[in-house]
Amino acid sequence: MVLNYIWIAFFVVAFVIGCVQQFVFGNQEIFKELVDTTFKSSKGAFELALGLTGAMAMWLGFMKIGEKAGIVKILTYLFGPFFRRLFPEIPPNHPAITPIFMKLSANLLGLDNAGTPLGIKAMKEMQTLNETPDVASNAQIMFTILNTTGMTLIPITILAYRVQWNAHNPADVFIPILLSTSIAFFSAFIITALIQRINLLDVVLLGYMLGIVGFLSATIYYFSSIPLKQVSVVSGVVSNFLLFSVIVFFIVFAMARKVNVYEAFIEGAKEGFETSVKIIPYLVAFIVGIAVFRAAGALDILLRGVEAITDYFGITGEYIFALPVAFLKPLSGSGASGAMNDVLKVFGPDSLMGQLACVFQGTTDTALYIIALYFGSVNIKKTRYTAPVSLIAYFLGMVAAIFITYIFFYKD
């Protein structure tokens, strides 16, 4: 329901602003620009879906190999106690376990392209357990919300951008990003767990969560102990090595279990193609809405409003110039990336504004886009509290990003 109102607001706000620009300021081209934007963005959405088709077919093919080889049983043995508490609706040895684990792992490794097909696969498997097919289940909501936080151990893409812009220490934002994205992740998890009445004091659940915190602490310690120039290199090598190792393990393990690997891959790839076709309408709807909202100048008006409010209360600071990244992030990853690069170009990668823009970019994922894509892939219309909780976690993460960046980089 929230996503429905947001989508409607994109067009209504764009229309109102367009009327003001044409009839008050005499901009005779505004509605032509808005109409052109709808066509261009719908074409871009379709091209995005086509690009996603190959990745969907490939990854769902490998997932089918792992499924037929019995990888689910291994993951159930290792993480079954944790999953049973986090997703109590999902029975042991269910096919949803593997893509859930793989998707969350892909997030941590910063492998966004690999993660999207895995996330959609997980939603499809969980949908087989959903007794009300048009309403999101608790398991689907928990999974989606955790993914909207986009918790990543190594923000490879951001570090690469900072290298391109000749930052003195490209990896100096690594720890601030990890801290702020951890706050967003745990905020989302705790709020969702409380709504779903999951016992946060359960000994097993606490043990796994403490293990996650310990792993994050060890990661921070390790990467803070090596030369900053090596951070992006090491993270890239490790991430891609682990991912390809998983693929090879699936194939070899399936061979040992006498599975017809090729046929299993083809079967999964066919599912991936069919899923890609189903999500095209949802991609077109959401991307067109975002495009007209931006083309009308609504984002600029929103930024000026925030600046006026902060000035009224005497709250000023360089963070204002990085806010376009924060506002665009829940809507569009490419839009937020473009805004971040604009800040890096204007103010420099070693400025407080440039560093904050990078931390904003790495703190959360494109929440509303993910919600639309995931639930659209399984034809769920009622997402319940998914969007509000995701946006609350996003807000907390962004506030944390401002404070953490100032603590690390502000020089009076």
Foldseek 3Di string as FASTA:
>chain_A
DVLVVLLVCLVVVLVVLLCCCCVPVNPPCLVVLLVVLLVVLLVVLVVVLVVLLVLLLQLLLLLLLLLVLQVQLVLCVVCVVQCCLLPVLDDRSQSLSVLLVVLVVCLQLQNVSNNPSSLLVSLVSVCVSDPDLQEDDLNNLSSLLLQQLSQYQANLVQLVLQVVLPPVQSCLLNVLLNVLSVLLNVLLSVVSCVVVVRPCPPPVNVVVVVVVVVVSVVSVVVCVPDRSVCRSVVSVVVSVVVVVVSSVCSVVSSVVVVHPSVVSSNVSSVVSNVLSVQLSVLSSSQSSSVSSSVSSVVLVVVLVVVVVVCVVVPNDDLCSQLCQLLVCFLRDLVSSVVSLSVQCVPPNCLDLSNSLSSSSSSRGHNSSSSVSRNSSSSNHDHHDCSVVSSVVSSVSSSVSSVVSSCVSRPDD
